[in-house]
Amino acid sequence: MAAKKVTHNVTHVESTTNSKEELLAVTKKNAAPYRIATVILWILGLVCEVFAVLFFTSKLEWGVLCEEPGHTIAWIAALALDLILVVIGSLLWKKANHTDPASKKDKVKFWIQNNLGVIIAAIAFIPFIIISLTDKNASKKDKTMASIIAAGALVVCCLFGIDWNPVSQEEMLTNAGLYDSVYWTESGTVFHAFEDCPHLNHSVNLFEGKSADAVKAGKTRMCKTCQNKLAALAESGETVEKSHDDQTEAGTEENTEADTEADTEANTAE
């Protein structure tokens, strides 16, 4: 999409034809890097879990790390790295889901796609908990410590893995055709109906275009503050927004009226 700089640091985006198929193709392409990065991070996280198991059961010798208390530090460090990788992967996965959401028509796929972070979290820590509790060579103290640490990591990963506000493909496509003039930034997954939205106060460079253009840029829903403001304006009976065409027509009418008044004054003066 072509773009040009205008006043107030707002970049106007040139709109193109936005069919359903085109939008879905663009959103799928935009989400691909996030999905690829997520898969890589989750695989690395599962590898860390394997190392944590090997260190806990002392089946992996790595110099001083396999000696007391070194082996304890080793499996705790492996679990910590597992936690970090799974959490970052979950955040990227949710970003991908908001960029290219699943359809609600397939309820099973929709649920799995939006809760895959929780499923991966379970895979990344529950096996370690089971193995640590059933290890005959481990002391009761070590078993308790391992299960508590792994369970805590599991809870954290689940909290980050749950999408508390999932977007559906249907919602995204609806939003794409609703608004003629919205604003968005490079970051985030929302667009804004008002340039003076408080969430945009610190944004130096804004983009402006139709909501379909915002969706193409990965912004699939309107921010809550703008939604509430639109609802309040609608209740008060005020006109919320004019399309670009309406604004152009209004400006033309105003200019025509002004020219007519000027001609009348000139004729009167003569």
C-alpha atoms as a PDB file:
ATOM      1  CA  MET A   1       0.000   0.000   0.000  1.00  0.00           C
ATOM      2  CA  ALA A   2       1.342   3.406  -0.955  1.00  0.00           C
ATOM      3  CA  ALA A   3       1.755   5.958   1.807  1.00  0.00           C
ATOM      4  CA  LYS A   4       2.592   9.644   2.008  1.00  0.00           C
ATOM      5  CA  LYS A   5       3.384  12.001   4.847  1.00  0.00           C
ATOM      6  CA  VAL A   6       0.873  14.693   5.777  1.00  0.00           C
ATOM      7  CA  THR A   7       0.483  17.124   8.668  1.00  0.00           C
ATOM      8  CA  HIS A   8       0.123  16.061  12.298  1.00  0.00           C
ATOM      9  CA  ASN A   9       2.449  13.095  11.699  1.00  0.00           C
ATOM     10  CA  VAL A  10      -0.377  11.051  10.216  1.00  0.00           C
ATOM     11  CA  THR A  11       0.360   8.749   7.315  1.00  0.00           C
ATOM     12  CA  HIS A  12      -2.585   8.307   4.967  1.00  0.00           C
ATOM     13  CA  VAL A  13      -2.808   4.841   3.527  1.00  0.00           C
ATOM     14  CA  GLU A  14      -4.083   4.410  -0.011  1.00  0.00           C
ATOM     15  CA  SER A  15      -6.939   1.918   0.020  1.00  0.00           C
ATOM     16  CA  THR A  16      -7.164  -0.932  -2.441  1.00  0.00           C
ATOM     17  CA  THR A  17      -9.821  -3.488  -3.233  1.00  0.00           C
ATOM     18  CA  ASN A  18     -10.516  -5.481  -0.068  1.00  0.00           C
ATOM     19  CA  SER A  19     -12.294  -8.720  -0.839  1.00  0.00           C
ATOM     20  CA  LYS A  20     -12.685 -11.353   1.846  1.00  0.00           C
ATOM     21  CA  GLU A  21     -10.167 -13.628   0.134  1.00  0.00           C
ATOM     22  CA  GLU A  22      -7.635 -10.812  -0.189  1.00  0.00           C
ATOM     23  CA  LEU A  23      -7.922  -9.837   3.461  1.00  0.00           C
ATOM     24  CA  LEU A  24      -7.569 -13.419   4.664  1.00  0.00           C
ATOM     25  CA  ALA A  25      -4.536 -13.951   2.431  1.00  0.00           C
ATOM     26  CA  VAL A  26      -2.873 -10.812   3.794  1.00  0.00           C
ATOM     27  CA  THR A  27      -3.618 -11.591   7.444  1.00  0.00           C
ATOM     28  CA  LYS A  28      -2.354 -15.157   7.009  1.00  0.00           C
ATOM     29  CA  LYS A  29       0.882 -13.856   5.510  1.00  0.00           C
ATOM     30  CA  ASN A  30       1.283 -11.280   8.292  1.00  0.00           C
ATOM     31  CA  ALA A  31       0.801 -13.917  10.991  1.00  0.00           C
ATOM     32  CA  ALA A  32       3.236 -16.443   9.490  1.00  0.00           C
ATOM     33  CA  PRO A  33       6.448 -14.984  11.042  1.00  0.00           C
ATOM     34  CA  TYR A  34       4.855 -15.004  14.512  1.00  0.00           C
ATOM     35  CA  ARG A  35       3.706 -18.612  14.124  1.00  0.00           C
ATOM     36  CA  ILE A  36       7.119 -19.771  12.894  1.00  0.00           C
ATOM     37  CA  ALA A  37       8.907 -18.003  15.757  1.00  0.00           C
ATOM     38  CA  THR A  38       6.412 -19.495  18.228  1.00  0.00           C
ATOM     39  CA  VAL A  39       6.982 -23.059  17.032  1.00  0.00           C
ATOM     40  CA  ILE A  40      10.750 -22.622  17.315  1.00  0.00           C
ATOM     41  CA  LEU A  41      10.507 -21.208  20.843  1.00  0.00           C
ATOM     42  CA  TRP A  42       8.127 -23.924  22.014  1.00  0.00           C
ATOM     43  CA  ILE A  43      10.373 -26.671  20.630  1.00  0.00           C
ATOM     44  CA  LEU A  44      13.350 -25.144  22.452  1.00  0.00           C
ATOM     45  CA  GLY A  45      11.233 -24.988  25.601  1.00  0.00           C
ATOM     46  CA  LEU A  46      10.449 -28.708  25.374  1.00  0.00           C
ATOM     47  CA  VAL A  47      14.154 -29.409  24.857  1.00  0.00           C
ATOM     48  CA  CYS A  48      14.846 -27.523  28.093  1.00  0.00           C
ATOM     49  CA  GLU A  49      12.283 -29.730  29.852  1.00  0.00           C
ATOM     50  CA  VAL A  50      14.159 -32.814  28.658  1.00  0.00           C
ATOM     51  CA  PHE A  51      17.392 -31.381  30.059  1.00  0.00           C
ATOM     52  CA  ALA A  52      15.623 -30.578  33.341  1.00  0.00           C
ATOM     53  CA  VAL A  53      14.526 -34.220  33.622  1.00  0.00           C
ATOM     54  CA  LEU A  54      18.017 -35.496  32.822  1.00  0.00           C
ATOM     55  CA  PHE A  55      19.608 -33.180  35.381  1.00  0.00           C
ATOM     56  CA  PHE A  56      17.031 -34.020  38.064  1.00  0.00           C
ATOM     57  CA  THR A  57      17.491 -37.766  37.614  1.00  0.00           C
ATOM     58  CA  SER A  58      21.286 -37.299  37.370  1.00  0.00           C
ATOM     59  CA  LYS A  59      21.350 -39.161  34.057  1.00  0.00           C
ATOM     60  CA  LEU A  60      23.208 -36.315  32.387  1.00  0.00           C
ATOM     61  CA  GLU A  61      26.727 -35.629  33.610  1.00  0.00           C
ATOM     62  CA  TRP A  62      27.988 -32.138  33.032  1.00  0.00           C
ATOM     63  CA  GLY A  63      30.959 -31.582  35.250  1.00  0.00           C
ATOM     64  CA  VAL A  64      30.270 -29.836  38.543  1.00  0.00           C
ATOM     65  CA  LEU A  65      26.582 -29.315  37.666  1.00  0.00           C
ATOM     66  CA  CYS A  66      25.846 -32.948  38.421  1.00  0.00           C
ATOM     67  CA  GLU A  67      27.273 -32.697  41.935  1.00  0.00           C
ATOM     68  CA  GLU A  68      25.318 -31.508  44.979  1.00  0.00           C
ATOM     69  CA  PRO A  69      24.035 -28.813  44.962  1.00  0.00           C
ATOM     70  CA  GLY A  70      25.031 -28.291  41.343  1.00  0.00           C
ATOM     71  CA  HIS A  71      22.517 -30.712  39.840  1.00  0.00           C
ATOM     72  CA  THR A  72      19.697 -28.854  41.631  1.00  0.00           C
ATOM     73  CA  ILE A  73      20.832 -25.566  40.138  1.00  0.00           C
ATOM     74  CA  ALA A  74      21.021 -27.222  36.727  1.00  0.00           C
ATOM     75  CA  TRP A  75      17.429 -28.501  36.592  1.00  0.00           C
ATOM     76  CA  ILE A  76      16.058 -25.288  38.114  1.00  0.00           C
ATOM     77  CA  ALA A  77      17.905 -23.265  35.455  1.00  0.00           C
ATOM     78  CA  ALA A  78      16.554 -25.565  32.740  1.00  0.00           C
ATOM     79  CA  LEU A  79      13.002 -25.116  34.036  1.00  0.00           C
ATOM     80  CA  ALA A  80      13.458 -21.336  34.202  1.00  0.00           C
ATOM     81  CA  LEU A  81      14.620 -21.242  30.592  1.00  0.00           C
ATOM     82  CA  ASP A  82      11.702 -23.509  29.678  1.00  0.00           C
ATOM     83  CA  LEU A  83       9.334 -21.033  31.338  1.00  0.00           C
ATOM     84  CA  ILE A  84      10.778 -18.040  29.483  1.00  0.00           C
ATOM     85  CA  LEU A  85      10.657 -19.724  26.090  1.00  0.00           C
ATOM     86  CA  VAL A  86       7.097 -20.990  26.523  1.00  0.00           C
ATOM     87  CA  VAL A  87       5.811 -17.605  27.740  1.00  0.00           C
ATOM     88  CA  ILE A  88       7.421 -15.660  24.881  1.00  0.00           C
ATOM     89  CA  GLY A  89       6.085 -18.245  22.437  1.00  0.00           C
ATOM     90  CA  SER A  90       2.576 -17.890  23.880  1.00  0.00           C
ATOM     91  CA  LEU A  91       2.664 -14.104  23.542  1.00  0.00           C
ATOM     92  CA  LEU A  92       3.736 -14.382  19.917  1.00  0.00           C
ATOM     93  CA  TRP A  93       1.071 -17.016  19.275  1.00  0.00           C
ATOM     94  CA  LYS A  94      -1.637 -14.716  20.631  1.00  0.00           C
ATOM     95  CA  LYS A  95      -0.267 -11.927  18.426  1.00  0.00           C
ATOM     96  CA  ALA A  96      -0.578 -14.284  15.450  1.00  0.00           C
ATOM     97  CA  ASN A  97      -4.126 -15.251  16.436  1.00  0.00           C
ATOM     98  CA  HIS A  98      -5.179 -11.612  16.593  1.00  0.00           C
ATOM     99  CA  THR A  99      -3.538 -10.958  13.230  1.00  0.00           C
ATOM    100  CA  ASP A 100      -5.029 -14.047  11.576  1.00  0.00           C
ATOM    101  CA  PRO A 101      -7.868 -15.324  13.802  1.00  0.00           C
ATOM    102  CA  ALA A 102      -9.694 -18.625  13.478  1.00  0.00           C
ATOM    103  CA  SER A 103     -13.322 -18.917  12.446  1.00  0.00           C
ATOM    104  CA  LYS A 104     -15.943 -19.537  15.115  1.00  0.00           C
ATOM    105  CA  LYS A 105     -17.748 -21.852  12.728  1.00  0.00           C
ATOM    106  CA  ASP A 106     -15.292 -24.587  13.687  1.00  0.00           C
ATOM    107  CA  LYS A 107     -15.640 -24.427  17.472  1.00  0.00           C
ATOM    108  CA  VAL A 108     -13.016 -27.091  18.185  1.00  0.00           C
ATOM    109  CA  LYS A 109     -10.354 -25.444  16.010  1.00  0.00           C
ATOM    110  CA  PHE A 110     -11.255 -22.025  17.416  1.00  0.00           C
ATOM    111  CA  TRP A 111     -10.818 -23.249  20.999  1.00  0.00           C
ATOM    112  CA  ILE A 112      -7.576 -25.117  20.316  1.00  0.00           C
ATOM    113  CA  GLN A 113      -6.003 -22.255  18.371  1.00  0.00           C
ATOM    114  CA  ASN A 114      -6.806 -19.737  21.106  1.00  0.00           C
ATOM    115  CA  ASN A 115      -5.714 -22.021  23.953  1.00  0.00           C
ATOM    116  CA  LEU A 116      -2.725 -23.734  22.375  1.00  0.00           C
ATOM    117  CA  GLY A 117      -0.438 -21.852  24.743  1.00  0.00           C
ATOM    118  CA  VAL A 118      -2.085 -23.624  27.691  1.00  0.00           C
ATOM    119  CA  ILE A 119      -1.752 -27.005  25.995  1.00  0.00           C
ATOM    120  CA  ILE A 120       1.953 -26.433  25.314  1.00  0.00           C
ATOM    121  CA  ALA A 121       2.448 -25.261  28.903  1.00  0.00           C
ATOM    122  CA  ALA A 122       0.979 -28.545  30.149  1.00  0.00           C
ATOM    123  CA  ILE A 123       3.303 -30.524  27.879  1.00  0.00           C
ATOM    124  CA  ALA A 124       6.276 -28.424  28.972  1.00  0.00           C
ATOM    125  CA  PHE A 125       5.916 -29.042  32.727  1.00  0.00           C
ATOM    126  CA  ILE A 126       3.513 -31.866  33.655  1.00  0.00           C
ATOM    127  CA  PRO A 127       5.850 -34.662  32.445  1.00  0.00           C
ATOM    128  CA  PHE A 128       8.635 -33.210  34.592  1.00  0.00           C
ATOM    129  CA  ILE A 129       6.325 -33.104  37.611  1.00  0.00           C
ATOM    130  CA  ILE A 130       5.307 -36.747  37.117  1.00  0.00           C
ATOM    131  CA  ILE A 131       8.886 -37.944  36.601  1.00  0.00           C
ATOM    132  CA  SER A 132      10.218 -35.999  39.582  1.00  0.00           C
ATOM    133  CA  LEU A 133       7.507 -37.347  41.906  1.00  0.00           C
ATOM    134  CA  THR A 134       8.045 -40.938  40.784  1.00  0.00           C
ATOM    135  CA  ASP A 135      11.859 -40.887  40.799  1.00  0.00           C
ATOM    136  CA  LYS A 136      12.894 -43.524  43.338  1.00  0.00           C
ATOM    137  CA  ASN A 137      16.385 -42.105  43.748  1.00  0.00           C
ATOM    138  CA  ALA A 138      15.236 -38.574  44.601  1.00  0.00           C
ATOM    139  CA  SER A 139      14.726 -37.480  48.181  1.00  0.00           C
ATOM    140  CA  LYS A 140      11.370 -36.306  49.471  1.00  0.00           C
ATOM    141  CA  LYS A 141      12.779 -32.798  49.763  1.00  0.00           C
ATOM    142  CA  ASP A 142      13.894 -32.757  46.137  1.00  0.00           C
ATOM    143  CA  LYS A 143      10.554 -34.169  44.961  1.00  0.00           C
ATOM    144  CA  THR A 144       8.626 -31.508  46.857  1.00  0.00           C
ATOM    145  CA  MET A 145      10.866 -28.711  45.601  1.00  0.00           C
ATOM    146  CA  ALA A 146      10.699 -29.917  42.004  1.00  0.00           C
ATOM    147  CA  SER A 147       6.928 -30.320  41.980  1.00  0.00           C
ATOM    148  CA  ILE A 148       6.326 -26.890  43.557  1.00  0.00           C
ATOM    149  CA  ILE A 149       8.697 -25.074  41.166  1.00  0.00           C
ATOM    150  CA  ALA A 150       7.351 -26.859  38.084  1.00  0.00           C
ATOM    151  CA  ALA A 151       3.734 -26.341  39.162  1.00  0.00           C
ATOM    152  CA  GLY A 152       4.375 -22.648  39.714  1.00  0.00           C
ATOM    153  CA  ALA A 153       5.963 -22.369  36.272  1.00  0.00           C
ATOM    154  CA  LEU A 154       2.985 -24.202  34.787  1.00  0.00           C
ATOM    155  CA  VAL A 155       0.522 -21.749  36.342  1.00  0.00           C
ATOM    156  CA  VAL A 156       2.484 -18.755  35.034  1.00  0.00           C
ATOM    157  CA  CYS A 157       2.636 -20.210  31.525  1.00  0.00           C
ATOM    158  CA  CYS A 158      -1.089 -20.975  31.577  1.00  0.00           C
ATOM    159  CA  LEU A 159      -1.918 -17.403  32.595  1.00  0.00           C
ATOM    160  CA  PHE A 160       0.131 -16.078  29.676  1.00  0.00           C
ATOM    161  CA  GLY A 161      -1.118 -18.799  27.341  1.00  0.00           C
ATOM    162  CA  ILE A 162      -4.833 -18.084  27.780  1.00  0.00           C
ATOM    163  CA  ASP A 163      -6.260 -15.578  25.320  1.00  0.00           C
ATOM    164  CA  TRP A 164      -8.625 -13.632  27.569  1.00  0.00           C
ATOM    165  CA  ASN A 165     -10.078 -11.658  24.675  1.00  0.00           C
ATOM    166  CA  PRO A 166      -9.913 -13.801  21.517  1.00  0.00           C
ATOM    167  CA  VAL A 167     -10.809 -12.455  18.105  1.00  0.00           C
ATOM    168  CA  SER A 168     -12.807 -14.472  15.583  1.00  0.00           C
ATOM    169  CA  GLN A 169     -12.379 -14.366  11.835  1.00  0.00           C
ATOM    170  CA  GLU A 170     -15.983 -13.213  11.532  1.00  0.00           C
ATOM    171  CA  GLU A 171     -15.381 -10.300  13.912  1.00  0.00           C
ATOM    172  CA  MET A 172     -12.244  -9.302  12.022  1.00  0.00           C
ATOM    173  CA  LEU A 173     -14.016  -9.314   8.647  1.00  0.00           C
ATOM    174  CA  THR A 174     -16.907  -7.299  10.091  1.00  0.00           C
ATOM    175  CA  ASN A 175     -14.564  -4.675  11.533  1.00  0.00           C
ATOM    176  CA  ALA A 176     -12.776  -4.478   8.182  1.00  0.00           C
ATOM    177  CA  GLY A 177     -15.868  -3.047   6.527  1.00  0.00           C
ATOM    178  CA  LEU A 178     -17.260  -0.788   9.254  1.00  0.00           C
ATOM    179  CA  TYR A 179     -15.216   2.404   9.311  1.00  0.00           C
ATOM    180  CA  ASP A 180     -13.998   4.784   6.644  1.00  0.00           C
ATOM    181  CA  SER A 181     -11.433   6.599   8.760  1.00  0.00           C
ATOM    182  CA  VAL A 182      -9.468   5.037  11.620  1.00  0.00           C
ATOM    183  CA  TYR A 183      -6.003   5.436  13.130  1.00  0.00           C
ATOM    184  CA  TRP A 184      -3.366   2.941  14.210  1.00  0.00           C
ATOM    185  CA  THR A 185       0.312   2.629  15.088  1.00  0.00           C
ATOM    186  CA  GLU A 186       3.047   0.173  14.192  1.00  0.00           C
ATOM    187  CA  SER A 187       2.614  -1.751  17.458  1.00  0.00           C
ATOM    188  CA  GLY A 188      -0.442  -3.366  19.009  1.00  0.00           C
ATOM    189  CA  THR A 189      -3.436  -5.135  17.490  1.00  0.00           C
ATOM    190  CA  VAL A 190      -6.128  -2.416  17.754  1.00  0.00           C
ATOM    191  CA  PHE A 191      -7.154   0.594  15.697  1.00  0.00           C
ATOM    192  CA  HIS A 192      -8.719   3.831  16.943  1.00  0.00           C
ATOM    193  CA  ALA A 193     -11.707   5.842  15.770  1.00  0.00           C
ATOM    194  CA  PHE A 194     -10.360   9.161  17.073  1.00  0.00           C
ATOM    195  CA  GLU A 195      -6.988  10.777  16.454  1.00  0.00           C
ATOM    196  CA  ASP A 196      -7.098  12.311  19.957  1.00  0.00           C
ATOM    197  CA  CYS A 197      -7.594   8.937  21.665  1.00  0.00           C
ATOM    198  CA  PRO A 198      -5.555   9.028  24.917  1.00  0.00           C
ATOM    199  CA  HIS A 199      -3.830   5.789  23.931  1.00  0.00           C
ATOM    200  CA  LEU A 200      -2.313   7.642  20.960  1.00  0.00           C
ATOM    201  CA  ASN A 201      -1.031  10.667  22.876  1.00  0.00           C
ATOM    202  CA  HIS A 202       2.563   9.471  22.829  1.00  0.00           C
ATOM    203  CA  SER A 203       2.502   8.075  19.293  1.00  0.00           C
ATOM    204  CA  VAL A 204       4.708  10.159  17.015  1.00  0.00           C
ATOM    205  CA  ASN A 205       3.723   8.462  13.773  1.00  0.00           C
ATOM    206  CA  LEU A 206       0.144   7.402  13.098  1.00  0.00           C
ATOM    207  CA  PHE A 207      -1.432   5.706  10.128  1.00  0.00           C
ATOM    208  CA  GLU A 208      -4.863   6.668   8.880  1.00  0.00           C
ATOM    209  CA  GLY A 209      -7.095   4.758   6.487  1.00  0.00           C
ATOM    210  CA  LYS A 210     -10.147   2.582   6.245  1.00  0.00           C
ATOM    211  CA  SER A 211     -10.623  -0.144   8.826  1.00  0.00           C
ATOM    212  CA  ALA A 212      -9.863  -2.702   6.098  1.00  0.00           C
ATOM    213  CA  ASP A 213      -6.398  -1.155   5.796  1.00  0.00           C
ATOM    214  CA  ALA A 214      -5.988  -1.372   9.563  1.00  0.00           C
ATOM    215  CA  VAL A 215      -6.888  -5.082   9.438  1.00  0.00           C
ATOM    216  CA  LYS A 216      -4.293  -5.598   6.730  1.00  0.00           C
ATOM    217  CA  ALA A 217      -1.778  -4.007   9.088  1.00  0.00           C
ATOM    218  CA  GLY A 218      -2.693  -6.516  11.802  1.00  0.00           C
ATOM    219  CA  LYS A 219      -5.149  -4.332  13.754  1.00  0.00           C
ATOM    220  CA  THR A 220      -8.232  -6.506  14.037  1.00  0.00           C
ATOM    221  CA  ARG A 221     -10.384  -4.646  16.554  1.00  0.00           C
ATOM    222  CA  MET A 222     -11.150  -1.146  17.809  1.00  0.00           C
ATOM    223  CA  CYS A 223      -9.727  -0.033  21.143  1.00  0.00           C
ATOM    224  CA  LYS A 224     -12.133  -0.128  24.084  1.00  0.00           C
ATOM    225  CA  THR A 225     -11.818   3.589  24.806  1.00  0.00           C
ATOM    226  CA  CYS A 226     -12.887   4.500  21.270  1.00  0.00           C
ATOM    227  CA  GLN A 227     -15.693   1.948  21.389  1.00  0.00           C
ATOM    228  CA  ASN A 228     -17.060   3.514  24.576  1.00  0.00           C
ATOM    229  CA  LYS A 229     -16.780   7.012  23.106  1.00  0.00           C
ATOM    230  CA  LEU A 230     -18.620   5.938  19.949  1.00  0.00           C
ATOM    231  CA  ALA A 231     -21.358   4.338  22.053  1.00  0.00           C
ATOM    232  CA  ALA A 232     -21.733   7.521  24.121  1.00  0.00           C
ATOM    233  CA  LEU A 233     -21.948   9.670  20.982  1.00  0.00           C
ATOM    234  CA  ALA A 234     -24.499   7.310  19.468  1.00  0.00           C
ATOM    235  CA  GLU A 235     -26.659   7.485  22.602  1.00  0.00           C
ATOM    236  CA  SER A 236     -26.524  11.276  22.561  1.00  0.00           C
ATOM    237  CA  GLY A 237     -27.624  11.284  18.922  1.00  0.00           C
ATOM    238  CA  GLU A 238     -24.482  12.976  17.629  1.00  0.00           C
ATOM    239  CA  THR A 239     -22.993  12.130  14.258  1.00  0.00           C
ATOM    240  CA  VAL A 240     -20.070   9.862  14.950  1.00  0.00           C
ATOM    241  CA  GLU A 241     -18.097   9.858  11.726  1.00  0.00           C
ATOM    242  CA  LYS A 242     -18.324  10.790   8.093  1.00  0.00           C
ATOM    243  CA  SER A 243     -16.781   8.809   5.303  1.00  0.00           C
ATOM    244  CA  HIS A 244     -14.092  10.355   3.146  1.00  0.00           C
ATOM    245  CA  ASP A 245     -16.618  10.727   0.328  1.00  0.00           C
ATOM    246  CA  ASP A 246     -19.110  12.465   2.636  1.00  0.00           C
ATOM    247  CA  GLN A 247     -16.451  14.845   3.838  1.00  0.00           C
ATOM    248  CA  THR A 248     -15.457  15.637   0.264  1.00  0.00           C
ATOM    249  CA  GLU A 249     -19.079  16.276  -0.743  1.00  0.00           C
ATOM    250  CA  ALA A 250     -19.628  18.449   2.332  1.00  0.00           C
ATOM    251  CA  GLY A 251     -16.547  20.493   1.520  1.00  0.00           C
ATOM    252  CA  THR A 252     -17.702  20.926  -2.085  1.00  0.00           C
ATOM    253  CA  GLU A 253     -21.152  22.102  -0.941  1.00  0.00           C
ATOM    254  CA  GLU A 254     -19.594  24.583   1.492  1.00  0.00           C
ATOM    255  CA  ASN A 255     -17.344  25.990  -1.242  1.00  0.00           C
ATOM    256  CA  THR A 256     -20.291  26.266  -3.639  1.00  0.00           C
ATOM    257  CA  GLU A 257     -22.374  28.136  -1.061  1.00  0.00           C
ATOM    258  CA  ALA A 258     -19.477  30.463  -0.309  1.00  0.00           C
ATOM    259  CA  ASP A 259     -18.988  31.201  -4.031  1.00  0.00           C
ATOM    260  CA  THR A 260     -22.710  31.911  -4.457  1.00  0.00           C
ATOM    261  CA  GLU A 261     -22.712  34.339  -1.523  1.00  0.00           C
ATOM    262  CA  ALA A 262     -19.648  36.088  -2.929  1.00  0.00           C
ATOM    263  CA  ASP A 263     -21.255  36.486  -6.347  1.00  0.00           C
ATOM    264  CA  THR A 264     -24.427  37.902  -4.765  1.00  0.00           C
ATOM    265  CA  GLU A 265     -22.442  40.461  -2.771  1.00  0.00           C
ATOM    266  CA  ALA A 266     -20.509  41.468  -5.871  1.00  0.00           C
ATOM    267  CA  ASN A 267     -23.673  41.994  -7.910  1.00  0.00           C
ATOM    268  CA  THR A 268     -25.224  44.056  -5.128  1.00  0.00           C
ATOM    269  CA  ALA A 269     -22.161  46.254  -4.927  1.00  0.00           C
ATOM    270  CA  GLU A 270     -22.337  46.925  -8.693  1.00  0.00           C
END
